[in-house]
């Protein structure tokens, strides 16, 4: 349910790229799982409702991260599987849902049988230029299976934009360029679906919110996200966290009744193979 197979670097689809991405996303896996990932819960629930996920559904989450979405699906009665580039995140997914089938691997080469799943999702895991991942998703879906995707919505409704701008500012030039290139709009997604023989069924947006008790926790959570990795490697963890603190501190509720709450828009689509 995350961006965990991509870190917005150049040549993202080369055969060994997923290994590097997994190492980056897994560097602070516990922080991501506990402090950041729950923001997507409303999107998980909405997409599952739209896809009709329930008992007897054979479900796969691509770029499943630490398995929060898969755990929700299991609670709905689905038989769940997940794949992610990060072994550390997969370890958490297995702990959350012991009877799930979670594998470390590449979303561009899914290790599952053709037609094995009724529902496939990727929550902020498939980006512009990742058509090969959609081809793989279509292959493992049944003929009447359905696909669900989420991605960041409109820039003007992205409360996390100060975070992403800080990442870009402190990352190497190649990462900055790739970050812009990987951006998505509804038109981009529609083109990707058509190019990979999917028919768009429905689409919309939903507001999601990151909640943290204080600035220090917010900074720790944001630094655990995969997009932070190139910036941390470039300037060091402490310097990057200091830069994050500067942009997050103004968002803290000054009377400390609420803490830090940052709302952003996620877009979602559902589709089926043609």
Protein backbone atom coordinates (compact mmCIF):
# COMPACT_ATOMS: atom_id res chain seq x y z
CA UNK A 1 0.00 0.00 0.00
CA UNK A 2 2.91 2.30 -0.30
CA UNK A 3 5.51 3.56 -2.77
CA UNK A 4 7.81 0.89 -1.52
CA UNK A 5 9.16 -0.41 -4.79
CA UNK A 6 10.17 3.01 -6.05
CA UNK A 7 12.38 5.78 -4.66
CA UNK A 8 12.05 8.17 -7.57
CA UNK A 9 15.51 7.62 -8.98
CA UNK A 10 16.52 7.31 -12.61
CA UNK A 11 16.29 4.04 -14.55
CA UNK A 12 13.77 2.72 -12.03
CA UNK A 13 12.85 -0.37 -14.05
CA UNK A 14 16.30 -1.90 -14.55
CA UNK A 15 16.44 -5.51 -13.31
CA UNK A 16 18.26 -4.85 -10.03
CA UNK A 17 16.56 -1.57 -9.19
CA UNK A 18 14.01 -3.16 -6.88
CA UNK A 19 16.76 -4.47 -4.62
CA UNK A 20 18.13 -0.96 -4.03
CA UNK A 21 14.62 0.40 -3.53
CA UNK A 22 13.90 -2.27 -0.93
CA UNK A 23 17.05 -1.45 0.98
CA UNK A 24 16.08 2.21 1.06
CA UNK A 25 12.49 1.67 2.16
CA UNK A 26 13.53 -0.94 4.70
CA UNK A 27 16.10 1.24 6.43
CA UNK A 28 13.51 2.47 8.96
CA UNK A 29 10.77 -0.07 8.44
CA UNK A 30 9.32 0.02 11.97
CA UNK A 31 9.00 3.80 11.90
CA UNK A 32 7.24 3.66 8.51
CA UNK A 33 4.85 0.92 9.63
CA UNK A 34 3.86 2.49 12.93
CA UNK A 35 4.21 6.22 12.34
CA UNK A 36 3.39 6.82 8.68
CA UNK A 37 1.54 3.97 6.95
CA UNK A 38 -1.81 4.30 8.83
CA UNK A 39 -2.55 7.55 6.98
CA UNK A 40 -3.79 5.48 4.00
CA UNK A 41 -6.53 3.64 5.93
CA UNK A 42 -9.45 5.65 4.45
CA UNK A 43 -8.14 5.01 0.93
CA UNK A 44 -7.69 1.29 1.66
CA UNK A 45 -11.27 0.99 2.85
CA UNK A 46 -12.73 2.99 -0.03
CA UNK A 47 -10.87 1.06 -2.73
CA UNK A 48 -11.83 -2.28 -1.16
CA UNK A 49 -15.48 -1.20 -1.11
CA UNK A 50 -15.31 -0.18 -4.78
CA UNK A 51 -13.67 -3.47 -5.75
CA UNK A 52 -16.14 -5.58 -3.79
CA UNK A 53 -13.41 -7.24 -1.75
CA UNK A 54 -14.75 -9.67 0.81
CA UNK A 55 -14.88 -13.34 1.84
CA UNK A 56 -13.40 -15.75 -0.72
CA UNK A 57 -11.61 -12.96 -2.61
CA UNK A 58 -8.10 -13.93 -3.68
CA UNK A 59 -6.22 -10.69 -3.15
CA UNK A 60 -2.74 -9.40 -3.99
CA UNK A 61 -1.27 -6.07 -2.88
CA UNK A 62 1.68 -4.92 -5.02
CA UNK A 63 4.26 -2.80 -3.21
CA UNK A 64 2.48 -3.92 -0.05
CA UNK A 65 4.87 -2.25 2.38
CA UNK A 66 4.38 -3.51 5.91
CA UNK A 67 1.07 -5.09 5.02
CA UNK A 68 -1.53 -2.78 6.54
CA UNK A 69 -3.84 -2.97 3.52
CA UNK A 70 -3.45 -6.73 3.32
CA UNK A 71 -4.35 -7.05 6.99
CA UNK A 72 -7.52 -5.03 6.41
CA UNK A 73 -8.38 -7.27 3.47
CA UNK A 74 -7.85 -10.36 5.62
CA UNK A 75 -10.23 -8.99 8.23
CA UNK A 76 -12.81 -8.77 5.46
CA UNK A 77 -12.36 -12.48 4.80
CA UNK A 78 -10.05 -12.36 1.78
CA UNK A 79 -7.17 -14.73 1.16
CA UNK A 80 -4.25 -12.31 1.01
CA UNK A 81 -0.86 -12.09 -0.67
CA UNK A 82 1.64 -9.26 -0.94
CA UNK A 83 4.92 -8.43 -2.58
CA UNK A 84 7.40 -5.72 -1.72
CA UNK A 85 11.04 -4.92 -2.41
CA UNK A 86 11.87 -4.54 1.29
CA UNK A 87 12.56 -7.63 3.34
CA UNK A 88 12.23 -5.59 6.55
CA UNK A 89 8.75 -4.42 5.57
CA UNK A 90 7.71 -7.92 4.50
CA UNK A 91 8.78 -9.21 7.92
CA UNK A 92 6.29 -6.80 9.50
CA UNK A 93 3.58 -7.78 7.02
CA UNK A 94 4.06 -11.45 7.94
CA UNK A 95 3.80 -10.62 11.64
CA UNK A 96 0.60 -8.62 11.06
CA UNK A 97 -1.05 -11.36 8.99
CA UNK A 98 0.59 -14.72 9.69
CA UNK A 99 -1.64 -16.66 7.29
CA UNK A 100 -0.90 -14.35 4.35
CA UNK A 101 1.53 -15.13 1.53
CA UNK A 102 4.07 -12.28 1.60
CA UNK A 103 7.11 -12.32 -0.65
CA UNK A 104 10.16 -10.17 -1.19
CA UNK A 105 10.39 -9.44 -4.89
CA UNK A 106 10.01 -7.20 -7.92
CA UNK A 107 6.68 -5.82 -9.08
CA UNK A 108 8.03 -5.98 -12.64
CA UNK A 109 8.37 -9.77 -12.35
CA UNK A 110 5.57 -11.04 -10.10
CA UNK A 111 6.27 -14.55 -8.74
CA UNK A 112 2.63 -15.67 -8.90
CA UNK A 113 0.68 -17.86 -11.30
CA UNK A 114 -1.30 -16.47 -14.20
CA UNK A 115 -4.89 -15.76 -13.18
CA UNK A 116 -4.19 -16.36 -9.48
CA UNK A 117 -6.08 -13.34 -8.10
CA UNK A 118 -9.54 -11.80 -8.19
CA UNK A 119 -8.33 -8.41 -6.94
CA UNK A 120 -4.97 -6.67 -7.27
CA UNK A 121 -4.17 -3.30 -5.71
CA UNK A 122 -1.22 -0.98 -5.35
CA UNK A 123 -1.55 1.89 -2.92
CA UNK A 124 0.86 4.61 -4.09
CA UNK A 125 3.14 1.93 -5.51
CA UNK A 126 2.73 2.18 -9.30
CA UNK A 127 3.97 5.40 -10.87
CA UNK A 128 4.40 7.07 -14.25
CA UNK A 129 6.63 4.85 -16.34
CA UNK A 130 5.66 1.64 -14.53
CA UNK A 131 3.50 0.17 -17.29
CA UNK A 132 5.40 -3.12 -17.00
CA UNK A 133 4.09 -3.46 -13.45
CA UNK A 134 0.54 -3.06 -14.73
CA UNK A 135 1.22 -5.70 -17.38
CA UNK A 136 2.27 -8.02 -14.56
CA UNK A 137 -0.86 -7.20 -12.57
CA UNK A 138 -3.04 -8.01 -15.57
CA UNK A 139 -1.27 -11.36 -16.00
CA UNK A 140 -1.96 -12.50 -12.43
CA UNK A 141 -5.59 -11.33 -12.49
CA UNK A 142 -8.44 -13.57 -13.55
CA UNK A 143 -10.26 -12.60 -16.75
CA UNK A 144 -12.99 -10.93 -14.71
CA UNK A 145 -10.66 -9.64 -11.98
CA UNK A 146 -10.34 -6.00 -10.94
CA UNK A 147 -7.49 -3.59 -10.22
CA UNK A 148 -7.31 -0.70 -7.76
CA UNK A 149 -4.66 2.02 -7.62
CA UNK A 150 -4.06 5.16 -5.59
CA UNK A 151 -1.65 8.03 -6.20
CA UNK A 152 -1.14 11.56 -4.93
CA UNK A 153 -3.88 14.01 -5.93
CA UNK A 154 -3.81 17.68 -6.79
CA UNK A 155 -0.72 19.60 -5.70
CA UNK A 156 -2.82 22.39 -4.21
CA UNK A 157 -4.51 19.86 -1.91
CA UNK A 158 -1.35 18.09 -0.80
CA UNK A 159 -0.55 19.05 2.76
CA UNK A 160 2.65 17.00 2.53
CA UNK A 161 4.00 19.22 -0.22
CA UNK A 162 6.51 20.95 2.16
CA UNK A 163 7.95 17.51 2.87
CA UNK A 164 8.35 16.63 -0.82
CA UNK A 165 9.89 20.02 -1.58
CA UNK A 166 12.39 19.45 1.24
CA UNK A 167 13.24 16.05 -0.20
CA UNK A 168 13.81 17.55 -3.64
CA UNK A 169 15.89 20.41 -2.28
CA UNK A 170 18.28 18.09 -0.44
CA UNK A 171 18.49 15.25 -2.97
CA UNK A 172 20.96 14.78 -5.83
CA UNK A 173 19.96 16.37 -9.18
CA UNK A 174 19.11 12.97 -10.72
CA UNK A 175 16.58 12.33 -7.97
CA UNK A 176 14.98 15.76 -8.43
CA UNK A 177 14.48 15.15 -12.14
CA UNK A 178 13.10 11.67 -11.64
CA UNK A 179 10.69 12.84 -8.95
CA UNK A 180 9.08 15.30 -11.34
CA UNK A 181 9.03 12.74 -14.16
CA UNK A 182 7.25 10.17 -11.99
CA UNK A 183 4.41 12.54 -11.10
CA UNK A 184 0.91 11.49 -12.08
CA UNK A 185 -2.38 12.97 -13.13
CA UNK A 186 -5.65 11.29 -14.01
CA UNK A 187 -4.72 11.60 -17.69
CA UNK A 188 -1.38 9.87 -17.10
CA UNK A 189 -3.06 7.01 -15.26
CA UNK A 190 -5.72 6.67 -17.96
CA UNK A 191 -3.02 6.46 -20.62
CA UNK A 192 -1.12 3.84 -18.62
CA UNK A 193 -4.24 1.72 -18.19
CA UNK A 194 -5.07 1.88 -21.89
CA UNK A 195 -1.50 0.99 -22.82
CA UNK A 196 -1.67 -2.14 -20.66
CA UNK A 197 -5.12 -3.35 -21.79
CA UNK A 198 -7.12 -2.19 -18.78
CA UNK A 199 -10.54 -0.54 -18.93
CA UNK A 200 -11.11 2.28 -16.46
CA UNK A 201 -14.16 1.55 -14.31
CA UNK A 202 -14.31 4.37 -11.77
CA UNK A 203 -12.17 7.10 -10.26
CA UNK A 204 -12.25 9.76 -7.57
CA UNK A 205 -10.36 11.35 -4.71
CA UNK A 206 -10.26 11.01 -0.94
CA UNK A 207 -8.66 13.03 1.85
CA UNK A 208 -6.13 11.24 4.04
CA UNK A 209 -4.46 12.61 7.15
CA UNK A 210 -1.12 12.07 8.84
CA UNK A 211 -1.39 12.54 12.61
CA UNK A 212 1.54 12.84 15.02
CA UNK A 213 1.64 13.97 18.66
CA UNK A 214 4.56 16.36 18.18
CA UNK A 215 7.09 17.68 15.68
CA UNK A 216 9.81 15.21 16.65
CA UNK A 217 7.54 12.25 15.92
CA UNK A 218 6.45 13.81 12.64
CA UNK A 219 10.06 14.28 11.54
CA UNK A 220 10.94 10.71 12.53
CA UNK A 221 8.00 9.41 10.48
CA UNK A 222 8.77 11.47 7.39
CA UNK A 223 12.43 10.52 7.46
CA UNK A 224 11.35 6.84 7.37
CA UNK A 225 9.60 7.21 4.00
CA UNK A 226 11.40 5.94 0.92
CA UNK A 227 11.54 9.30 -0.89
CA UNK A 228 13.71 10.59 1.98
CA UNK A 229 16.49 8.08 1.33
CA UNK A 230 18.39 9.95 -1.43
CA UNK A 231 18.29 13.16 0.61
CA UNK A 232 19.55 11.39 3.74
CA UNK A 233 22.34 9.78 1.73
CA UNK A 234 23.27 13.16 0.26
CA UNK A 235 23.30 15.37 3.36
CA UNK A 236 23.08 13.01 6.33
CA UNK A 237 20.20 12.02 8.58
CA UNK A 238 20.62 14.80 11.14
CA UNK A 239 20.83 17.61 8.58
CA UNK A 240 17.83 16.30 6.66
CA UNK A 241 15.78 15.96 9.84
CA UNK A 242 16.74 19.52 10.77
CA UNK A 243 15.42 20.73 7.42
CA UNK A 244 12.20 18.77 7.92
CA UNK A 245 11.76 20.24 11.38
CA UNK A 246 11.85 23.75 9.93
CA UNK A 247 8.93 23.08 7.57
CA UNK A 248 6.90 20.92 9.96
CA UNK A 249 7.17 23.08 13.11
CA UNK A 250 4.81 25.78 11.76
CA UNK A 251 2.14 23.09 11.27
CA UNK A 252 2.16 22.10 14.94
CA UNK A 253 -0.87 23.09 16.97
CA UNK A 254 0.59 25.68 19.32
CA UNK A 255 -1.62 24.90 22.30
CA UNK A 256 -0.67 21.22 21.85
CA UNK A 257 -4.20 19.90 22.09
CA UNK A 258 -3.98 18.18 18.72
CA UNK A 259 -0.34 17.86 17.66
CA UNK A 260 0.61 17.76 13.97
CA UNK A 261 -2.17 16.94 11.48
CA UNK A 262 -1.42 17.10 7.75
CA UNK A 263 -4.16 16.32 5.24
CA UNK A 264 -3.52 15.47 1.61
CA UNK A 265 -5.55 14.31 -1.34
CA UNK A 266 -5.17 10.84 -2.80
CA UNK A 267 -6.66 9.97 -6.18
CA UNK A 268 -7.91 6.47 -6.87
CA UNK A 269 -8.97 4.41 -9.86
CA UNK A 270 -10.49 1.01 -10.43
CA UNK A 271 -10.09 -0.93 -13.68
CA UNK A 272 -10.46 -4.36 -15.25
CA UNK A 273 -8.64 -6.25 -17.99
CA UNK A 274 -10.09 -5.75 -21.46
